[in-house]
PDB file of N, CA and C in Angstrom:
ATOM      1  N   MET A   1      -0.022  11.264  16.953  1.00  0.00           N
ATOM      2  CA  MET A   1      -0.858  11.079  15.695  1.00  0.00           C
ATOM      3  C   MET A   1       0.340  11.160  14.578  1.00  0.00           C
ATOM      4  N   GLN A   2       0.115  10.208  13.616  1.00  0.00           N
ATOM      5  CA  GLN A   2       1.079  10.184  12.556  1.00  0.00           C
ATOM      6  C   GLN A   2       1.035  11.151  11.457  1.00  0.00           C
ATOM      7  N   SER A   3       1.854  11.679  10.795  1.00  0.00           N
ATOM      8  CA  SER A   3       1.814  12.559   9.634  1.00  0.00           C
ATOM      9  C   SER A   3       1.436  11.857   8.362  1.00  0.00           C
ATOM     10  N   ILE A   4       1.010  12.619   7.441  1.00  0.00           N
ATOM     11  CA  ILE A   4       0.775  11.931   6.291  1.00  0.00           C
ATOM     12  C   ILE A   4       1.818  11.133   5.694  1.00  0.00           C
ATOM     13  N   GLU A   5       3.152  11.757   5.620  1.00  0.00           N
ATOM     14  CA  GLU A   5       4.339  10.852   5.200  1.00  0.00           C
ATOM     15  C   GLU A   5       4.364   9.541   5.789  1.00  0.00           C
ATOM     16  N   GLU A   6       4.078   9.561   7.348  1.00  0.00           N
ATOM     17  CA  GLU A   6       4.512   8.444   7.944  1.00  0.00           C
ATOM     18  C   GLU A   6       3.434   7.487   7.657  1.00  0.00           C
ATOM     19  N   ALA A   7       2.108   7.844   7.481  1.00  0.00           N
ATOM     20  CA  ALA A   7       1.143   7.000   7.121  1.00  0.00           C
ATOM     21  C   ALA A   7       1.243   6.319   5.682  1.00  0.00           C
ATOM     22  N   LEU A   8       1.786   7.109   4.678  1.00  0.00           N
ATOM     23  CA  LEU A   8       2.084   6.623   3.472  1.00  0.00           C
ATOM     24  C   LEU A   8       3.085   5.556   3.415  1.00  0.00           C
ATOM     25  N   GLU A   9       4.247   5.861   4.396  1.00  0.00           N
ATOM     26  CA  GLU A   9       5.260   5.067   4.301  1.00  0.00           C
ATOM     27  C   GLU A   9       4.785   3.558   5.101  1.00  0.00           C
ATOM     28  N   LYS A  10       3.932   3.717   6.104  1.00  0.00           N
ATOM     29  CA  LYS A  10       3.582   2.491   6.634  1.00  0.00           C
ATOM     30  C   LYS A  10       2.397   1.716   5.769  1.00  0.00           C
ATOM     31  N   LEU A  11       1.786   2.537   4.970  1.00  0.00           N
ATOM     32  CA  LEU A  11       0.921   1.788   4.066  1.00  0.00           C
ATOM     33  C   LEU A  11       1.684   1.156   2.867  1.00  0.00           C
ATOM     34  N   SER A  12       2.713   1.822   2.452  1.00  0.00           N
ATOM     35  CA  SER A  12       3.686   1.177   1.368  1.00  0.00           C
ATOM     36  C   SER A  12       4.351  -0.056   1.926  1.00  0.00           C
ATOM     37  N   LYS A  13       4.236  -0.602   3.064  1.00  0.00           N
ATOM     38  CA  LYS A  13       4.738  -1.703   3.580  1.00  0.00           C
ATOM     39  C   LYS A  13       3.842  -2.945   3.659  1.00  0.00           C
ATOM     40  N   SER A  14       2.612  -2.447   3.317  1.00  0.00           N
ATOM     41  CA  SER A  14       1.416  -3.535   3.290  1.00  0.00           C
ATOM     42  C   SER A  14       1.360  -4.164   2.011  1.00  0.00           C
ATOM     43  N   LYS A  15       1.452  -5.399   1.934  1.00  0.00           N
ATOM     44  CA  LYS A  15       1.405  -6.059   0.743  1.00  0.00           C
ATOM     45  C   LYS A  15      -0.100  -5.662   0.068  1.00  0.00           C
ATOM     46  N   PHE A  16      -1.152  -5.846   0.890  1.00  0.00           N
ATOM     47  CA  PHE A  16      -2.277  -5.510   0.316  1.00  0.00           C
ATOM     48  C   PHE A  16      -2.549  -4.098  -0.044  1.00  0.00           C
ATOM     49  N   ARG A  17      -2.318  -3.048   0.646  1.00  0.00           N
ATOM     50  CA  ARG A  17      -2.405  -1.676   0.527  1.00  0.00           C
ATOM     51  C   ARG A  17      -1.495  -1.136  -0.648  1.00  0.00           C
ATOM     52  N   SER A  18      -0.321  -1.817  -0.729  1.00  0.00           N
ATOM     53  CA  SER A  18       0.585  -1.239  -1.768  1.00  0.00           C
ATOM     54  C   SER A  18       0.115  -1.879  -3.208  1.00  0.00           C
ATOM     55  N   ARG A  19      -0.542  -2.683  -3.309  1.00  0.00           N
ATOM     56  CA  ARG A  19      -1.147  -3.253  -4.594  1.00  0.00           C
ATOM     57  C   ARG A  19      -2.157  -2.163  -5.401  1.00  0.00           C
ATOM     58  N   PHE A  20      -2.622  -1.299  -4.649  1.00  0.00           N
ATOM     59  CA  PHE A  20      -3.356  -0.365  -5.518  1.00  0.00           C
ATOM     60  C   PHE A  20      -2.765   0.731  -5.960  1.00  0.00           C
ATOM     61  N   LYS A  21      -3.014   0.851  -7.255  1.00  0.00           N
ATOM     62  CA  LYS A  21      -2.204   1.827  -8.242  1.00  0.00           C
ATOM     63  C   LYS A  21      -3.433   2.490  -9.160  1.00  0.00           C
ATOM     64  N   LEU A  22      -3.053   3.716  -9.422  1.00  0.00           N
ATOM     65  CA  LEU A  22      -3.860   4.418 -10.431  1.00  0.00           C
ATOM     66  C   LEU A  22      -3.523   3.823 -11.831  1.00  0.00           C
ATOM     67  N   ASP A  23      -4.559   3.504 -12.639  1.00  0.00           N
ATOM     68  CA  ASP A  23      -4.279   3.001 -14.009  1.00  0.00           C
ATOM     69  C   ASP A  23      -4.473   4.173 -15.060  1.00  0.00           C
ATOM     70  N   LYS A  24      -4.288   3.746 -16.199  1.00  0.00           N
ATOM     71  CA  LYS A  24      -4.539   4.670 -17.316  1.00  0.00           C
ATOM     72  C   LYS A  24      -5.939   5.488 -17.361  1.00  0.00           C
ATOM     73  N   ASN A  25      -7.004   4.680 -17.063  1.00  0.00           N
ATOM     74  CA  ASN A  25      -8.328   5.313 -16.921  1.00  0.00           C
ATOM     75  C   ASN A  25      -8.541   6.211 -15.818  1.00  0.00           C
ATOM     76  N   ASP A  26      -7.811   5.924 -14.715  1.00  0.00           N
ATOM     77  CA  ASP A  26      -7.884   6.870 -13.579  1.00  0.00           C
ATOM     78  C   ASP A  26      -7.229   8.202 -13.994  1.00  0.00           C
ATOM     79  N   LEU A  27      -5.991   8.108 -14.593  1.00  0.00           N
ATOM     80  CA  LEU A  27      -5.132   9.274 -15.131  1.00  0.00           C
ATOM     81  C   LEU A  27      -5.849  10.158 -15.814  1.00  0.00           C
ATOM     82  N   LYS A  28      -6.552   9.555 -17.053  1.00  0.00           N
ATOM     83  CA  LYS A  28      -7.443  10.102 -17.992  1.00  0.00           C
ATOM     84  C   LYS A  28      -8.417  10.954 -17.164  1.00  0.00           C
ATOM     85  N   TYR A  29      -9.010  10.329 -16.258  1.00  0.00           N
ATOM     86  CA  TYR A  29     -10.315  10.901 -15.511  1.00  0.00           C
ATOM     87  C   TYR A  29      -9.736  12.028 -14.707  1.00  0.00           C
ATOM     88  N   ILE A  30      -8.645  11.900 -13.989  1.00  0.00           N
ATOM     89  CA  ILE A  30      -8.064  13.102 -13.306  1.00  0.00           C
ATOM     90  C   ILE A  30      -7.618  14.237 -14.255  1.00  0.00           C
ATOM     91  N   ASN A  31      -7.113  13.750 -15.283  1.00  0.00           N
ATOM     92  CA  ASN A  31      -6.492  14.926 -16.183  1.00  0.00           C
ATOM     93  C   ASN A  31      -7.776  15.670 -16.857  1.00  0.00           C
ATOM     94  N   GLU A  32      -8.923  14.950 -17.118  1.00  0.00           N
ATOM     95  CA  GLU A  32      -9.986  15.631 -17.526  1.00  0.00           C
ATOM     96  C   GLU A  32     -10.871  16.358 -16.667  1.00  0.00           C
ATOM     97  N   LYS A  33     -10.954  15.930 -15.342  1.00  0.00           N
ATOM     98  CA  LYS A  33     -11.539  16.514 -14.236  1.00  0.00           C
ATOM     99  C   LYS A  33     -10.824  17.619 -13.464  1.00  0.00           C
ATOM    100  N   GLY A  34      -9.528  17.273 -13.309  1.00  0.00           N
ATOM    101  CA  GLY A  34      -8.758  18.124 -12.538  1.00  0.00           C
ATOM    102  C   GLY A  34      -8.716  17.848 -10.778  1.00  0.00           C
ATOM    103  N   LEU A  35      -7.596  18.009 -10.293  1.00  0.00           N
ATOM    104  CA  LEU A  35      -7.494  17.489  -8.879  1.00  0.00           C
ATOM    105  C   LEU A  35      -8.614  18.383  -8.016  1.00  0.00           C
ATOM    106  N   ASP A  36      -8.911  19.580  -8.330  1.00  0.00           N
ATOM    107  CA  ASP A  36     -10.057  20.128  -7.349  1.00  0.00           C
ATOM    108  C   ASP A  36     -11.139  19.359  -7.367  1.00  0.00           C
ATOM    109  N   THR A  37     -11.605  19.096  -8.706  1.00  0.00           N
ATOM    110  CA  THR A  37     -12.919  18.116  -8.680  1.00  0.00           C
ATOM    111  C   THR A  37     -12.526  16.825  -7.986  1.00  0.00           C
ATOM    112  N   ILE A  38     -11.457  16.270  -8.260  1.00  0.00           N
ATOM    113  CA  ILE A  38     -11.356  14.750  -7.653  1.00  0.00           C
ATOM    114  C   ILE A  38     -11.357  15.015  -5.865  1.00  0.00           C
ATOM    115  N   ARG A  39     -10.747  16.263  -5.450  1.00  0.00           N
ATOM    116  CA  ARG A  39     -10.706  16.447  -4.101  1.00  0.00           C
ATOM    117  C   ARG A  39     -12.368  16.659  -3.617  1.00  0.00           C
ATOM    118  N   SER A  40     -13.183  17.202  -4.439  1.00  0.00           N
ATOM    119  CA  SER A  40     -14.642  17.566  -4.101  1.00  0.00           C
ATOM    120  C   SER A  40     -15.283  16.050  -4.045  1.00  0.00           C
ATOM    121  N   HIS A  41     -14.959  15.383  -5.003  1.00  0.00           N
ATOM    122  CA  HIS A  41     -15.539  13.935  -4.963  1.00  0.00           C
ATOM    123  C   HIS A  41     -15.155  13.246  -3.718  1.00  0.00           C
ATOM    124  N   ALA A  42     -13.714  13.388  -3.282  1.00  0.00           N
ATOM    125  CA  ALA A  42     -13.246  12.692  -2.135  1.00  0.00           C
ATOM    126  C   ALA A  42     -14.034  13.235  -0.784  1.00  0.00           C
ATOM    127  N   VAL A  43     -14.297  14.571  -0.710  1.00  0.00           N
ATOM    128  CA  VAL A  43     -15.068  15.126   0.327  1.00  0.00           C
ATOM    129  C   VAL A  43     -16.300  14.444   0.305  1.00  0.00           C
ATOM    130  N   ASP A  44     -17.123  14.239  -0.720  1.00  0.00           N
ATOM    131  CA  ASP A  44     -18.342  13.829  -0.869  1.00  0.00           C
ATOM    132  C   ASP A  44     -18.377  12.110  -0.440  1.00  0.00           C
ATOM    133  N   PHE A  45     -17.489  11.531  -0.760  1.00  0.00           N
ATOM    134  CA  PHE A  45     -17.467  10.095  -0.492  1.00  0.00           C
ATOM    135  C   PHE A  45     -17.178   9.960   0.814  1.00  0.00           C
ATOM    136  N   VAL A  46     -16.124  10.563   1.336  1.00  0.00           N
ATOM    137  CA  VAL A  46     -15.820  10.492   2.796  1.00  0.00           C
ATOM    138  C   VAL A  46     -17.241  10.928   3.723  1.00  0.00           C
ATOM    139  N   ARG A  47     -17.716  11.986   3.422  1.00  0.00           N
ATOM    140  CA  ARG A  47     -18.854  12.564   4.049  1.00  0.00           C
ATOM    141  C   ARG A  47     -19.996  11.528   4.095  1.00  0.00           C
ATOM    142  N   LEU A  48     -20.388  11.082   2.970  1.00  0.00           N
ATOM    143  CA  LEU A  48     -21.490  10.100   2.631  1.00  0.00           C
ATOM    144  C   LEU A  48     -21.397   8.643   3.151  1.00  0.00           C
ATOM    145  N   ARG A  49     -20.137   8.147   2.879  1.00  0.00           N
ATOM    146  CA  ARG A  49     -19.860   6.808   2.881  1.00  0.00           C
ATOM    147  C   ARG A  49     -19.099   6.371   4.260  1.00  0.00           C
ATOM    148  N   LEU A  50     -18.313   7.211   4.891  1.00  0.00           N
ATOM    149  CA  LEU A  50     -17.415   7.012   5.826  1.00  0.00           C
ATOM    150  C   LEU A  50     -17.993   7.625   7.222  1.00  0.00           C
ATOM    151  N   SER A  51     -18.426   8.766   7.022  1.00  0.00           N
ATOM    152  CA  SER A  51     -18.644   9.741   8.187  1.00  0.00           C
ATOM    153  C   SER A  51     -19.873   9.295   9.033  1.00  0.00           C
ATOM    154  N   PRO A  52     -20.838   8.772   8.695  1.00  0.00           N
ATOM    155  CA  PRO A  52     -21.991   8.362   9.476  1.00  0.00           C
ATOM    156  C   PRO A  52     -21.439   7.461  10.771  1.00  0.00           C
ATOM    157  N   ALA A  53     -22.112   7.362  11.727  1.00  0.00           N
ATOM    158  CA  ALA A  53     -21.786   6.561  13.053  1.00  0.00           C
ATOM    159  C   ALA A  53     -22.274   5.222  12.814  1.00  0.00           C
ATOM    160  N   ILE A  54     -23.268   4.895  12.107  1.00  0.00           N
ATOM    161  CA  ILE A  54     -23.819   3.585  11.647  1.00  0.00           C
ATOM    162  C   ILE A  54     -23.789   3.502  10.325  1.00  0.00           C
ATOM    163  N   ILE A  55     -23.114   2.477   9.423  1.00  0.00           N
ATOM    164  CA  ILE A  55     -22.977   2.195   8.213  1.00  0.00           C
ATOM    165  C   ILE A  55     -23.422   0.770   7.905  1.00  0.00           C
ATOM    166  N   PRO A  56     -24.593   0.608   7.621  1.00  0.00           N
ATOM    167  CA  PRO A  56     -25.099  -0.796   7.355  1.00  0.00           C
ATOM    168  C   PRO A  56     -24.366  -1.620   6.612  1.00  0.00           C
ATOM    169  N   ASN A  57     -23.623  -1.175   5.622  1.00  0.00           N
ATOM    170  CA  ASN A  57     -22.855  -2.162   4.695  1.00  0.00           C
ATOM    171  C   ASN A  57     -21.437  -1.653   4.909  1.00  0.00           C
ATOM    172  N   ASP A  58     -20.987  -1.524   5.952  1.00  0.00           N
ATOM    173  CA  ASP A  58     -19.385  -1.083   6.414  1.00  0.00           C
ATOM    174  C   ASP A  58     -18.717  -2.386   5.767  1.00  0.00           C
ATOM    175  N   GLY A  59     -17.651  -2.071   5.199  1.00  0.00           N
ATOM    176  CA  GLY A  59     -16.787  -2.907   4.578  1.00  0.00           C
ATOM    177  C   GLY A  59     -17.020  -3.301   3.077  1.00  0.00           C
ATOM    178  N   LYS A  60     -18.220  -2.824   2.687  1.00  0.00           N
ATOM    179  CA  LYS A  60     -18.618  -2.991   1.310  1.00  0.00           C
ATOM    180  C   LYS A  60     -19.072  -1.748   0.469  1.00  0.00           C
ATOM    181  N   GLN A  61     -19.003  -0.708   1.346  1.00  0.00           N
ATOM    182  CA  GLN A  61     -19.296   0.647   0.706  1.00  0.00           C
ATOM    183  C   GLN A  61     -18.544   1.266  -0.273  1.00  0.00           C
ATOM    184  N   THR A  62     -17.088   0.847  -0.489  1.00  0.00           N
ATOM    185  CA  THR A  62     -16.313   1.418  -1.369  1.00  0.00           C
ATOM    186  C   THR A  62     -15.712   0.236  -2.409  1.00  0.00           C
ATOM    187  N   PRO A  63     -16.157   0.506  -3.485  1.00  0.00           N
ATOM    188  CA  PRO A  63     -15.819  -0.271  -4.792  1.00  0.00           C
ATOM    189  C   PRO A  63     -14.362  -0.417  -4.906  1.00  0.00           C
ATOM    190  N   MET A  64     -13.691  -1.260  -5.432  1.00  0.00           N
ATOM    191  CA  MET A  64     -12.339  -1.529  -5.686  1.00  0.00           C
ATOM    192  C   MET A  64     -11.706  -0.638  -6.885  1.00  0.00           C
ATOM    193  N   ARG A  65     -12.657  -0.332  -7.810  1.00  0.00           N
ATOM    194  CA  ARG A  65     -12.365   0.512  -8.977  1.00  0.00           C
ATOM    195  C   ARG A  65     -13.549   1.234  -9.440  1.00  0.00           C
ATOM    196  N   GLY A  66     -13.222   2.014 -10.474  1.00  0.00           N
ATOM    197  CA  GLY A  66     -14.350   2.904 -11.065  1.00  0.00           C
ATOM    198  C   GLY A  66     -14.106   4.259 -10.809  1.00  0.00           C
ATOM    199  N   HIS A  67     -13.357   4.738  -9.966  1.00  0.00           N
ATOM    200  CA  HIS A  67     -12.994   6.021  -9.588  1.00  0.00           C
ATOM    201  C   HIS A  67     -11.707   5.970  -8.812  1.00  0.00           C
ATOM    202  N   PRO A  68     -10.778   7.282  -9.293  1.00  0.00           N
ATOM    203  CA  PRO A  68      -9.417   7.231  -8.522  1.00  0.00           C
ATOM    204  C   PRO A  68      -9.579   7.225  -7.057  1.00  0.00           C
ATOM    205  N   VAL A  69     -10.631   7.924  -6.556  1.00  0.00           N
ATOM    206  CA  VAL A  69     -10.881   8.175  -5.044  1.00  0.00           C
ATOM    207  C   VAL A  69     -11.038   6.707  -4.502  1.00  0.00           C
ATOM    208  N   PHE A  70     -11.700   5.897  -5.086  1.00  0.00           N
ATOM    209  CA  PHE A  70     -12.037   4.538  -4.637  1.00  0.00           C
ATOM    210  C   PHE A  70     -10.716   3.832  -4.401  1.00  0.00           C
ATOM    211  N   LYS A  71      -9.935   3.788  -5.400  1.00  0.00           N
ATOM    212  CA  LYS A  71      -8.540   3.142  -5.326  1.00  0.00           C
ATOM    213  C   LYS A  71      -7.853   3.754  -4.166  1.00  0.00           C
ATOM    214  N   ALA A  72      -7.745   4.983  -4.041  1.00  0.00           N
ATOM    215  CA  ALA A  72      -7.029   5.898  -3.081  1.00  0.00           C
ATOM    216  C   ALA A  72      -7.466   5.326  -1.712  1.00  0.00           C
ATOM    217  N   GLN A  73      -8.864   5.288  -1.556  1.00  0.00           N
ATOM    218  CA  GLN A  73      -9.337   4.787  -0.096  1.00  0.00           C
ATOM    219  C   GLN A  73      -8.813   3.549   0.272  1.00  0.00           C
ATOM    220  N   HIS A  74      -8.783   2.745  -0.684  1.00  0.00           N
ATOM    221  CA  HIS A  74      -8.273   1.144  -0.321  1.00  0.00           C
ATOM    222  C   HIS A  74      -6.775   1.422  -0.201  1.00  0.00           C
ATOM    223  N   GLY A  75      -6.052   2.084  -0.981  1.00  0.00           N
ATOM    224  CA  GLY A  75      -4.673   2.385  -0.853  1.00  0.00           C
ATOM    225  C   GLY A  75      -4.161   2.710   0.516  1.00  0.00           C
ATOM    226  N   THR A  76      -5.120   3.673   1.100  1.00  0.00           N
ATOM    227  CA  THR A  76      -4.843   4.401   2.222  1.00  0.00           C
ATOM    228  C   THR A  76      -5.598   3.752   3.477  1.00  0.00           C
ATOM    229  N   ALA A  77      -6.357   2.752   3.271  1.00  0.00           N
ATOM    230  CA  ALA A  77      -6.989   2.174   4.345  1.00  0.00           C
ATOM    231  C   ALA A  77      -8.094   3.025   4.811  1.00  0.00           C
ATOM    232  N   CYS A  78      -8.625   3.937   4.038  1.00  0.00           N
ATOM    233  CA  CYS A  78      -9.799   4.907   4.363  1.00  0.00           C
ATOM    234  C   CYS A  78     -11.084   4.386   3.574  1.00  0.00           C
ATOM    235  N   CYS A  79     -11.177   3.071   3.503  1.00  0.00           N
ATOM    236  CA  CYS A  79     -12.270   2.514   2.697  1.00  0.00           C
ATOM    237  C   CYS A  79     -13.489   2.216   3.527  1.00  0.00           C
ATOM    238  N   CYS A  80     -13.303   1.925   4.940  1.00  0.00           N
ATOM    239  CA  CYS A  80     -14.556   1.702   5.823  1.00  0.00           C
ATOM    240  C   CYS A  80     -14.074   1.918   7.152  1.00  0.00           C
ATOM    241  N   ARG A  81     -15.030   1.768   8.025  1.00  0.00           N
ATOM    242  CA  ARG A  81     -14.702   2.230   9.322  1.00  0.00           C
ATOM    243  C   ARG A  81     -13.975   0.967  10.305  1.00  0.00           C
ATOM    244  N   LYS A  82     -13.952  -0.147   9.696  1.00  0.00           N
ATOM    245  CA  LYS A  82     -13.208  -1.172  10.245  1.00  0.00           C
ATOM    246  C   LYS A  82     -11.689  -0.896   9.861  1.00  0.00           C
ATOM    247  N   CYS A  83     -11.497  -0.469   8.753  1.00  0.00           N
ATOM    248  CA  CYS A  83     -10.155  -0.243   8.407  1.00  0.00           C
ATOM    249  C   CYS A  83      -9.583   1.087   9.077  1.00  0.00           C
ATOM    250  N   LEU A  84     -10.409   2.151   9.223  1.00  0.00           N
ATOM    251  CA  LEU A  84     -10.034   3.349   9.818  1.00  0.00           C
ATOM    252  C   LEU A  84      -9.604   3.047  11.348  1.00  0.00           C
ATOM    253  N   LYS A  85     -10.465   1.961  12.001  1.00  0.00           N
ATOM    254  CA  LYS A  85     -10.098   1.737  13.252  1.00  0.00           C
ATOM    255  C   LYS A  85      -8.712   0.997  13.362  1.00  0.00           C
ATOM    256  N   LYS A  86      -8.668  -0.035  12.523  1.00  0.00           N
ATOM    257  CA  LYS A  86      -7.275  -0.884  12.538  1.00  0.00           C
ATOM    258  C   LYS A  86      -6.163  -0.130  12.316  1.00  0.00           C
ATOM    259  N   TRP A  87      -6.247   0.845  11.267  1.00  0.00           N
ATOM    260  CA  TRP A  87      -4.879   1.827  10.797  1.00  0.00           C
ATOM    261  C   TRP A  87      -4.763   2.861  11.571  1.00  0.00           C
ATOM    262  N   TYR A  88      -5.734   3.423  11.996  1.00  0.00           N
ATOM    263  CA  TYR A  88      -5.886   4.828  12.585  1.00  0.00           C
ATOM    264  C   TYR A  88      -6.375   5.140  13.871  1.00  0.00           C
ATOM    265  N   ASN A  89      -6.895   4.009  14.477  1.00  0.00           N
ATOM    266  CA  ASN A  89      -7.515   3.909  15.651  1.00  0.00           C
ATOM    267  C   ASN A  89      -8.784   4.933  15.845  1.00  0.00           C
ATOM    268  N   VAL A  90      -9.483   5.049  14.774  1.00  0.00           N
ATOM    269  CA  VAL A  90     -10.667   5.957  14.785  1.00  0.00           C
ATOM    270  C   VAL A  90     -11.864   5.108  15.131  1.00  0.00           C
ATOM    271  N   PRO A  91     -12.528   5.508  16.207  1.00  0.00           N
ATOM    272  CA  PRO A  91     -13.713   4.608  16.797  1.00  0.00           C
ATOM    273  C   PRO A  91     -14.622   4.320  15.781  1.00  0.00           C
ATOM    274  N   GLU A  92     -15.148   3.272  15.857  1.00  0.00           N
ATOM    275  CA  GLU A  92     -16.365   2.835  14.833  1.00  0.00           C
ATOM    276  C   GLU A  92     -17.668   3.363  15.700  1.00  0.00           C
ATOM    277  N   ASN A  93     -18.795   3.348  15.023  1.00  0.00           N
ATOM    278  CA  ASN A  93     -20.098   3.773  15.484  1.00  0.00           C
ATOM    279  C   ASN A  93     -20.132   5.014  16.372  1.00  0.00           C
ATOM    280  N   LYS A  94     -19.151   5.998  15.675  1.00  0.00           N
ATOM    281  CA  LYS A  94     -19.290   7.462  16.123  1.00  0.00           C
ATOM    282  C   LYS A  94     -19.203   8.165  14.831  1.00  0.00           C
ATOM    283  N   GLN A  95     -19.824   9.318  14.662  1.00  0.00           N
ATOM    284  CA  GLN A  95     -19.852  10.122  13.603  1.00  0.00           C
ATOM    285  C   GLN A  95     -18.570  10.783  13.500  1.00  0.00           C
ATOM    286  N   LEU A  96     -17.966  10.728  12.407  1.00  0.00           N
ATOM    287  CA  LEU A  96     -16.550  11.475  12.245  1.00  0.00           C
ATOM    288  C   LEU A  96     -16.895  12.801  12.273  1.00  0.00           C
ATOM    289  N   THR A  97     -15.898  13.621  12.904  1.00  0.00           N
ATOM    290  CA  THR A  97     -15.998  15.071  12.925  1.00  0.00           C
ATOM    291  C   THR A  97     -15.474  15.622  11.525  1.00  0.00           C
ATOM    292  N   GLU A  98     -15.655  16.850  11.480  1.00  0.00           N
ATOM    293  CA  GLU A  98     -15.201  17.613  10.384  1.00  0.00           C
ATOM    294  C   GLU A  98     -13.734  17.519  10.102  1.00  0.00           C
ATOM    295  N   ILE A  99     -12.956  17.598  11.185  1.00  0.00           N
ATOM    296  CA  ILE A  99     -11.495  17.630  11.271  1.00  0.00           C
ATOM    297  C   ILE A  99     -10.999  16.167  10.925  1.00  0.00           C
ATOM    298  N   GLN A 100     -11.712  15.140  11.394  1.00  0.00           N
ATOM    299  CA  GLN A 100     -11.346  13.941  10.871  1.00  0.00           C
ATOM    300  C   GLN A 100     -11.585  13.676   9.327  1.00  0.00           C
ATOM    301  N   GLN A 101     -12.784  14.168   8.920  1.00  0.00           N
ATOM    302  CA  GLN A 101     -13.076  13.914   7.534  1.00  0.00           C
ATOM    303  C   GLN A 101     -12.026  14.653   6.675  1.00  0.00           C
ATOM    304  N   GLU A 102     -11.546  15.873   7.070  1.00  0.00           N
ATOM    305  CA  GLU A 102     -10.603  16.680   6.316  1.00  0.00           C
ATOM    306  C   GLU A 102      -9.268  15.870   6.192  1.00  0.00           C
ATOM    307  N   LYS A 103      -8.767  15.207   7.476  1.00  0.00           N
ATOM    308  CA  LYS A 103      -7.698  14.612   7.413  1.00  0.00           C
ATOM    309  C   LYS A 103      -7.540  13.490   6.615  1.00  0.00           C
ATOM    310  N   ILE A 104      -8.631  12.709   6.513  1.00  0.00           N
ATOM    311  CA  ILE A 104      -8.905  11.581   5.650  1.00  0.00           C
ATOM    312  C   ILE A 104      -8.697  11.970   4.200  1.00  0.00           C
ATOM    313  N   VAL A 105      -9.471  13.206   3.775  1.00  0.00           N
ATOM    314  CA  VAL A 105      -9.399  13.555   2.381  1.00  0.00           C
ATOM    315  C   VAL A 105      -8.033  14.015   2.137  1.00  0.00           C
ATOM    316  N   ASN A 106      -7.239  14.602   3.079  1.00  0.00           N
ATOM    317  CA  ASN A 106      -5.931  14.986   2.827  1.00  0.00           C
ATOM    318  C   ASN A 106      -5.059  13.932   2.547  1.00  0.00           C
ATOM    319  N   LEU A 107      -5.230  12.811   3.333  1.00  0.00           N
ATOM    320  CA  LEU A 107      -4.489  11.509   3.038  1.00  0.00           C
ATOM    321  C   LEU A 107      -4.559  10.919   1.614  1.00  0.00           C
ATOM    322  N   ILE A 108      -6.074  10.922   1.342  1.00  0.00           N
ATOM    323  CA  ILE A 108      -6.325  10.430   0.054  1.00  0.00           C
ATOM    324  C   ILE A 108      -5.640  11.227  -1.101  1.00  0.00           C
ATOM    325  N   MET A 109      -5.690  12.593  -0.946  1.00  0.00           N
ATOM    326  CA  MET A 109      -5.207  13.343  -1.936  1.00  0.00           C
ATOM    327  C   MET A 109      -3.633  13.255  -2.020  1.00  0.00           C
ATOM    328  N   ALA A 110      -3.153  13.132  -0.797  1.00  0.00           N
ATOM    329  CA  ALA A 110      -1.777  12.749  -0.868  1.00  0.00           C
ATOM    330  C   ALA A 110      -1.345  11.546  -1.649  1.00  0.00           C
ATOM    331  N   TRP A 111      -2.087  10.586  -1.368  1.00  0.00           N
ATOM    332  CA  TRP A 111      -1.803   9.225  -2.084  1.00  0.00           C
ATOM    333  C   TRP A 111      -1.866   9.337  -3.435  1.00  0.00           C
ATOM    334  N   ILE A 112      -3.018  10.124  -4.018  1.00  0.00           N
ATOM    335  CA  ILE A 112      -3.299  10.321  -5.425  1.00  0.00           C
ATOM    336  C   ILE A 112      -2.005  11.077  -6.007  1.00  0.00           C
ATOM    337  N   ASN A 113      -1.649  12.050  -5.208  1.00  0.00           N
ATOM    338  CA  ASN A 113      -0.426  12.997  -5.852  1.00  0.00           C
ATOM    339  C   ASN A 113       0.768  12.077  -5.766  1.00  0.00           C
ATOM    340  N   SER A 114       0.980  11.276  -4.835  1.00  0.00           N
ATOM    341  CA  SER A 114       2.177  10.584  -4.888  1.00  0.00           C
ATOM    342  C   SER A 114       2.104   9.602  -5.959  1.00  0.00           C
ATOM    343  N   GLN A 115       0.934   8.992  -6.215  1.00  0.00           N
ATOM    344  CA  GLN A 115       0.844   8.204  -7.442  1.00  0.00           C
ATOM    345  C   GLN A 115       1.159   9.058  -8.742  1.00  0.00           C
ATOM    346  N   LEU A 116       0.728  10.057  -8.848  1.00  0.00           N
ATOM    347  CA  LEU A 116       0.792  10.961 -10.087  1.00  0.00           C
ATOM    348  C   LEU A 116       2.320  11.316 -10.216  1.00  0.00           C
ATOM    349  N   ASN A 117       3.018  11.750  -9.107  1.00  0.00           N
ATOM    350  CA  ASN A 117       4.429  11.896  -9.136  1.00  0.00           C
ATOM    351  C   ASN A 117       5.231  10.692  -9.482  1.00  0.00           C
ATOM    352  N   SER A 118       4.776   9.530  -9.159  1.00  0.00           N
ATOM    353  CA  SER A 118       5.738   8.251  -9.528  1.00  0.00           C
ATOM    354  C   SER A 118       5.575   7.992 -10.926  1.00  0.00           C
ATOM    355  N   LEU A 119       4.737   8.473 -11.742  1.00  0.00           N
ATOM    356  CA  LEU A 119       4.642   8.023 -13.101  1.00  0.00           C
ATOM    357  C   LEU A 119       5.757   8.662 -14.055  1.00  0.00           C
TER     358      LEU A 119
END
């Protein structure tokens, strides 16, 4: 199993994944809401949009923009079950465990923090 740092390093080498960046609207939203609220949103998005065993609109459930967590999900390849399978070997068509969900949220938040630290 790879660490968060190893995952972020691998993702940074992907032309597609590395193009996702937080913009001024995302930064404003994060500053207004705080990182605890952003984490809470990430927990909800992962639980509702990624965790179920069967997702009828898999591959289309995560918008490309509109919330910092959405961008982070794409930047970390945690946007759909197909990407989770490809990047992290997480089986499709099987409910995510609470531990898997927590690891995904931790990766998303690490990506957001790395974006904030790079500004």
